[in-house]
Structures are given as C-alpha cells and as structure tokens.
C-alpha cells in the first residue's frame, strides 16, 4: 500500500527545527544514519512531512530519494499527521470478508478524508491496517486504545459521535 503524503500544510516550529538539527549533528558521522534520524524526527514532529525529509537529506548530505525511500518502506513511519483520534480499520482477511471495506468507506464519507489522511482540524486521522489480531470480532476498528468489533457501516455515525466533543 502506498503511503499518502499529507495535504495539511507543514507547521513546524523553530524549536522543533533546532531539535532536529541537533539530532542530525549527533548522527552526522554514523554509517546508516538515515534510519535513526528518521525515527527521532518522527518523535519530534509526529510524522515525516517532505520539509522534514528535505532537512534530513541536506543535513546528512544524502539524496532526498534515499530518505524518502526509507520513510516509505518501513511501516513505522508516517508521512501524514495523526489526529487526536487515530482510527485504524483492519483490512485483514477476516475483517475484509466481513465488510471492513464498507466500514472504511463509511468512515471516509463521515470524516471527509481518505485512508492515511487527517481532518483539517487535526481531530481525526484514518488508517487502513493489515491485521489488528481480533479476527473473532471482525470487522474491527480501533480509535486510539478503544476497540470496536462486529461492525456494520451504519454503526459508524454513532461511534464517531462519542469523539466529537
């Protein structure tokens, strides 16, 4: 699955940039520095927008393509911000067969975003994941640490209402 680049404008702070520059300086002479710098950058920013990847490439003097390649290859990295409420829809076999595609479509419709996107207000993000490991409850979504199982698309508005404080 291709990772989607965020449509939300980058809003990094000077403090975050200074912190990232310190991380780059700490790893500048390390072979294979891209991976640990990306990990620390994601801790700083919460995700890896193009602007951050560019700072890393320039700071480590490596091609931007290398930084982008690592950040898109590993599932631990996110190219778009996560919302206050991160919704993960299980698309594993059991969930998919029992209708997780319809659940994902309803979530997209209700939130006005697609998979791997975040609402403009930063409240919700939506992710399609491989397997949550709750196959007996298929189809399943998680909203942060809350698990919802045996879902149908028509249940989604009531579930979302609990988070629209």
C-alpha atoms as a PDB file:
ATOM      1  CA  UNK A   1       0.000   0.000   0.000  1.00  0.00           C
ATOM      2  CA  UNK A   2       1.396   3.387  -0.981  1.00  0.00           C
ATOM      3  CA  UNK A   3       1.748   5.969   1.733  1.00  0.00           C
ATOM      4  CA  UNK A   4      -0.131   9.171   1.067  1.00  0.00           C
ATOM      5  CA  UNK A   5       1.593  12.497   1.525  1.00  0.00           C
ATOM      6  CA  UNK A   6      -0.284  14.911   3.773  1.00  0.00           C
ATOM      7  CA  UNK A   7      -2.414  17.668   2.280  1.00  0.00           C
ATOM      8  CA  UNK A   8      -2.222  19.587   5.587  1.00  0.00           C
ATOM      9  CA  UNK A   9       0.310  22.436   5.434  1.00  0.00           C
ATOM     10  CA  UNK A  10       3.521  21.849   7.390  1.00  0.00           C
ATOM     11  CA  UNK A  11       3.589  23.829  10.642  1.00  0.00           C
ATOM     12  CA  UNK A  12       6.914  23.024  12.268  1.00  0.00           C
ATOM     13  CA  UNK A  13       8.267  25.344  14.944  1.00  0.00           C
ATOM     14  CA  UNK A  14      11.773  26.837  15.240  1.00  0.00           C
ATOM     15  CA  UNK A  15      12.210  24.749  18.411  1.00  0.00           C
ATOM     16  CA  UNK A  16      11.431  21.540  16.505  1.00  0.00           C
ATOM     17  CA  UNK A  17      13.855  22.509  13.755  1.00  0.00           C
ATOM     18  CA  UNK A  18      16.605  23.189  16.300  1.00  0.00           C
ATOM     19  CA  UNK A  19      15.928  19.818  17.913  1.00  0.00           C
ATOM     20  CA  UNK A  20      16.106  18.071  14.521  1.00  0.00           C
ATOM     21  CA  UNK A  21      19.375  19.832  13.671  1.00  0.00           C
ATOM     22  CA  UNK A  22      20.838  18.591  16.977  1.00  0.00           C
ATOM     23  CA  UNK A  23      19.755  15.026  16.117  1.00  0.00           C
ATOM     24  CA  UNK A  24      21.352  15.300  12.669  1.00  0.00           C
ATOM     25  CA  UNK A  25      24.571  16.657  14.193  1.00  0.00           C
ATOM     26  CA  UNK A  26      24.633  13.758  16.669  1.00  0.00           C
ATOM     27  CA  UNK A  27      24.414  11.198  13.829  1.00  0.00           C
ATOM     28  CA  UNK A  28      26.285  13.004  11.025  1.00  0.00           C
ATOM     29  CA  UNK A  29      29.258  10.618  11.042  1.00  0.00           C
ATOM     30  CA  UNK A  30      27.290   7.407  11.704  1.00  0.00           C
ATOM     31  CA  UNK A  31      27.020   4.938   8.833  1.00  0.00           C
ATOM     32  CA  UNK A  32      23.348   4.244   8.181  1.00  0.00           C
ATOM     33  CA  UNK A  33      22.305   7.447   9.965  1.00  0.00           C
ATOM     34  CA  UNK A  34      19.105   7.903   7.933  1.00  0.00           C
ATOM     35  CA  UNK A  35      17.070   5.363   9.917  1.00  0.00           C
ATOM     36  CA  UNK A  36      17.845   6.627  13.452  1.00  0.00           C
ATOM     37  CA  UNK A  37      17.463  10.264  12.356  1.00  0.00           C
ATOM     38  CA  UNK A  38      14.073   9.498  10.794  1.00  0.00           C
ATOM     39  CA  UNK A  39      12.998   7.750  13.998  1.00  0.00           C
ATOM     40  CA  UNK A  40      13.973  10.712  16.147  1.00  0.00           C
ATOM     41  CA  UNK A  41      12.486  13.187  13.652  1.00  0.00           C
ATOM     42  CA  UNK A  42       9.155  11.390  13.828  1.00  0.00           C
ATOM     43  CA  UNK A  43       9.280  11.654  17.629  1.00  0.00           C
ATOM     44  CA  UNK A  44       9.862  15.401  17.287  1.00  0.00           C
ATOM     45  CA  UNK A  45       7.218  16.146  14.643  1.00  0.00           C
ATOM     46  CA  UNK A  46       4.829  13.187  14.987  1.00  0.00           C
ATOM     47  CA  UNK A  47       5.218  12.408  11.289  1.00  0.00           C
ATOM     48  CA  UNK A  48       7.683  12.941   8.418  1.00  0.00           C
ATOM     49  CA  UNK A  49       6.493  15.644   6.029  1.00  0.00           C
ATOM     50  CA  UNK A  50       8.509  16.439   2.918  1.00  0.00           C
ATOM     51  CA  UNK A  51      10.014  19.513   4.597  1.00  0.00           C
ATOM     52  CA  UNK A  52      11.479  17.364   7.398  1.00  0.00           C
ATOM     53  CA  UNK A  53      12.763  14.762   4.958  1.00  0.00           C
ATOM     54  CA  UNK A  54      14.462  17.543   2.978  1.00  0.00           C
ATOM     55  CA  UNK A  55      16.151  18.900   6.146  1.00  0.00           C
ATOM     56  CA  UNK A  56      17.382  15.377   6.941  1.00  0.00           C
ATOM     57  CA  UNK A  57      18.714  14.790   3.423  1.00  0.00           C
ATOM     58  CA  UNK A  58      20.529  18.113   3.351  1.00  0.00           C
ATOM     59  CA  UNK A  59      21.813  17.748   6.911  1.00  0.00           C
ATOM     60  CA  UNK A  60      23.174  14.232   6.346  1.00  0.00           C
ATOM     61  CA  UNK A  61      24.306  15.052   2.800  1.00  0.00           C
ATOM     62  CA  UNK A  62      22.380  12.124   1.318  1.00  0.00           C
ATOM     63  CA  UNK A  63      19.948  12.152  -1.609  1.00  0.00           C
ATOM     64  CA  UNK A  64      16.361  13.050  -0.753  1.00  0.00           C
ATOM     65  CA  UNK A  65      15.351   9.890  -2.629  1.00  0.00           C
ATOM     66  CA  UNK A  66      17.199   7.786  -0.046  1.00  0.00           C
ATOM     67  CA  UNK A  67      15.414   9.487   2.860  1.00  0.00           C
ATOM     68  CA  UNK A  68      12.046   9.181   1.089  1.00  0.00           C
ATOM     69  CA  UNK A  69      12.750   5.536   0.227  1.00  0.00           C
ATOM     70  CA  UNK A  70      13.402   4.617   3.860  1.00  0.00           C
ATOM     71  CA  UNK A  71      10.440   6.624   5.160  1.00  0.00           C
ATOM     72  CA  UNK A  72       8.033   4.973   2.715  1.00  0.00           C
ATOM     73  CA  UNK A  73       9.428   1.447   3.030  1.00  0.00           C
ATOM     74  CA  UNK A  74       9.030   0.991   6.784  1.00  0.00           C
ATOM     75  CA  UNK A  75       5.504   0.928   8.213  1.00  0.00           C
ATOM     76  CA  UNK A  76       6.635   2.634  11.433  1.00  0.00           C
ATOM     77  CA  UNK A  77       6.953   5.937   9.571  1.00  0.00           C
ATOM     78  CA  UNK A  78       4.015   8.216   8.778  1.00  0.00           C
ATOM     79  CA  UNK A  79       4.022  10.852   6.038  1.00  0.00           C
ATOM     80  CA  UNK A  80       0.864  12.498   7.307  1.00  0.00           C
ATOM     81  CA  UNK A  81      -0.014  13.712  10.791  1.00  0.00           C
ATOM     82  CA  UNK A  82      -2.104  11.644  13.166  1.00  0.00           C
ATOM     83  CA  UNK A  83      -5.244  13.176  14.584  1.00  0.00           C
ATOM     84  CA  UNK A  84      -6.234  13.438  18.217  1.00  0.00           C
ATOM     85  CA  UNK A  85      -8.293  10.331  17.473  1.00  0.00           C
ATOM     86  CA  UNK A  86      -6.461   7.895  15.208  1.00  0.00           C
ATOM     87  CA  UNK A  87      -8.877   5.435  13.645  1.00  0.00           C
ATOM     88  CA  UNK A  88      -7.415   2.180  12.308  1.00  0.00           C
ATOM     89  CA  UNK A  89      -9.586  -0.048  10.167  1.00  0.00           C
ATOM     90  CA  UNK A  90      -8.482  -3.667   9.997  1.00  0.00           C
ATOM     91  CA  UNK A  91      -8.289  -4.823   6.391  1.00  0.00           C
ATOM     92  CA  UNK A  92      -7.032  -8.331   7.227  1.00  0.00           C
ATOM     93  CA  UNK A  93      -8.751 -11.251   5.549  1.00  0.00           C
ATOM     94  CA  UNK A  94     -11.357 -11.981   8.247  1.00  0.00           C
ATOM     95  CA  UNK A  95     -12.308  -8.320   8.603  1.00  0.00           C
ATOM     96  CA  UNK A  96     -12.326  -7.671   4.875  1.00  0.00           C
ATOM     97  CA  UNK A  97     -14.562 -10.669   4.154  1.00  0.00           C
ATOM     98  CA  UNK A  98     -16.992  -9.469   6.832  1.00  0.00           C
ATOM     99  CA  UNK A  99     -17.254  -5.917   5.482  1.00  0.00           C
ATOM    100  CA  UNK A 100     -14.358  -3.758   6.647  1.00  0.00           C
ATOM    101  CA  UNK A 101     -14.239  -2.167   3.189  1.00  0.00           C
ATOM    102  CA  UNK A 102     -17.767  -0.811   3.749  1.00  0.00           C
ATOM    103  CA  UNK A 103     -16.766   0.383   7.230  1.00  0.00           C
ATOM    104  CA  UNK A 104     -13.725   2.198   5.802  1.00  0.00           C
ATOM    105  CA  UNK A 105     -15.874   3.791   3.084  1.00  0.00           C
ATOM    106  CA  UNK A 106     -18.407   4.998   5.675  1.00  0.00           C
ATOM    107  CA  UNK A 107     -15.653   6.445   7.858  1.00  0.00           C
ATOM    108  CA  UNK A 108     -14.211   8.247   4.817  1.00  0.00           C
ATOM    109  CA  UNK A 109     -17.638   9.620   3.966  1.00  0.00           C
ATOM    110  CA  UNK A 110     -18.400  10.763   7.530  1.00  0.00           C
ATOM    111  CA  UNK A 111     -14.977  12.347   8.113  1.00  0.00           C
ATOM    112  CA  UNK A 112     -14.416  13.727   4.624  1.00  0.00           C
ATOM    113  CA  UNK A 113     -10.966  12.126   4.385  1.00  0.00           C
ATOM    114  CA  UNK A 114      -9.460   9.023   2.839  1.00  0.00           C
ATOM    115  CA  UNK A 115      -7.183   6.407   4.317  1.00  0.00           C
ATOM    116  CA  UNK A 116      -3.846   7.797   5.517  1.00  0.00           C
ATOM    117  CA  UNK A 117      -5.287  11.300   5.869  1.00  0.00           C
ATOM    118  CA  UNK A 118      -6.084  13.620   8.755  1.00  0.00           C
ATOM    119  CA  UNK A 119      -9.001  16.025   9.074  1.00  0.00           C
ATOM    120  CA  UNK A 120      -8.013  19.670   8.672  1.00  0.00           C
ATOM    121  CA  UNK A 121      -8.895  20.372  12.309  1.00  0.00           C
ATOM    122  CA  UNK A 122      -6.457  17.631  13.397  1.00  0.00           C
ATOM    123  CA  UNK A 123      -9.176  15.783  15.277  1.00  0.00           C
ATOM    124  CA  UNK A 124      -9.357  12.516  13.301  1.00  0.00           C
ATOM    125  CA  UNK A 125      -6.937  10.503  11.212  1.00  0.00           C
ATOM    126  CA  UNK A 126      -7.824   7.367   9.302  1.00  0.00           C
ATOM    127  CA  UNK A 127      -5.576   4.402   8.619  1.00  0.00           C
ATOM    128  CA  UNK A 128      -6.198   1.113   6.853  1.00  0.00           C
ATOM    129  CA  UNK A 129      -4.062  -1.520   8.568  1.00  0.00           C
ATOM    130  CA  UNK A 130      -3.278  -5.155   7.821  1.00  0.00           C
ATOM    131  CA  UNK A 131      -4.436  -7.015  10.941  1.00  0.00           C
ATOM    132  CA  UNK A 132      -5.403  -5.920  14.423  1.00  0.00           C
ATOM    133  CA  UNK A 133      -5.416  -9.507  15.722  1.00  0.00           C
ATOM    134  CA  UNK A 134      -9.051  -9.583  16.788  1.00  0.00           C
ATOM    135  CA  UNK A 135     -10.347 -11.788  13.981  1.00  0.00           C
ATOM    136  CA  UNK A 136     -13.147 -13.210  16.135  1.00  0.00           C
ATOM    137  CA  UNK A 137     -14.630  -9.691  16.342  1.00  0.00           C
ATOM    138  CA  UNK A 138     -14.414  -8.991  12.594  1.00  0.00           C
ATOM    139  CA  UNK A 139     -14.756  -6.409  11.225  1.00  0.00           C
ATOM    140  CA  UNK A 140     -12.804  -4.327  13.738  1.00  0.00           C
ATOM    141  CA  UNK A 141     -11.665  -0.728  14.128  1.00  0.00           C
ATOM    142  CA  UNK A 142      -9.646   0.926  16.843  1.00  0.00           C
ATOM    143  CA  UNK A 143      -9.916   4.553  17.879  1.00  0.00           C
ATOM    144  CA  UNK A 144      -6.752   5.173  19.848  1.00  0.00           C
ATOM    145  CA  UNK A 145      -6.983   2.412  22.504  1.00  0.00           C
ATOM    146  CA  UNK A 146     -10.713   1.711  22.092  1.00  0.00           C
ATOM    147  CA  UNK A 147     -11.670  -1.404  20.109  1.00  0.00           C
ATOM    148  CA  UNK A 148     -14.959  -1.766  18.240  1.00  0.00           C
ATOM    149  CA  UNK A 149     -15.916  -5.108  16.734  1.00  0.00           C
ATOM    150  CA  UNK A 150     -18.672  -6.858  14.811  1.00  0.00           C
ATOM    151  CA  UNK A 151     -19.280  -3.609  12.975  1.00  0.00           C
ATOM    152  CA  UNK A 152     -21.529  -2.591  10.158  1.00  0.00           C
ATOM    153  CA  UNK A 153     -21.238   0.660   8.229  1.00  0.00           C
ATOM    154  CA  UNK A 154     -24.459   2.002   9.760  1.00  0.00           C
ATOM    155  CA  UNK A 155     -22.882   1.856  13.242  1.00  0.00           C
ATOM    156  CA  UNK A 156     -20.134   4.355  12.320  1.00  0.00           C
ATOM    157  CA  UNK A 157     -22.018   7.662  12.899  1.00  0.00           C
ATOM    158  CA  UNK A 158     -22.928   6.674  16.478  1.00  0.00           C
ATOM    159  CA  UNK A 159     -19.358   5.596  17.219  1.00  0.00           C
ATOM    160  CA  UNK A 160     -17.893   8.832  15.836  1.00  0.00           C
ATOM    161  CA  UNK A 161     -20.390  10.887  17.856  1.00  0.00           C
ATOM    162  CA  UNK A 162     -18.645   9.711  21.046  1.00  0.00           C
ATOM    163  CA  UNK A 163     -15.461  11.514  19.920  1.00  0.00           C
ATOM    164  CA  UNK A 164     -16.902  14.738  18.539  1.00  0.00           C
ATOM    165  CA  UNK A 165     -16.701  16.587  21.862  1.00  0.00           C
END
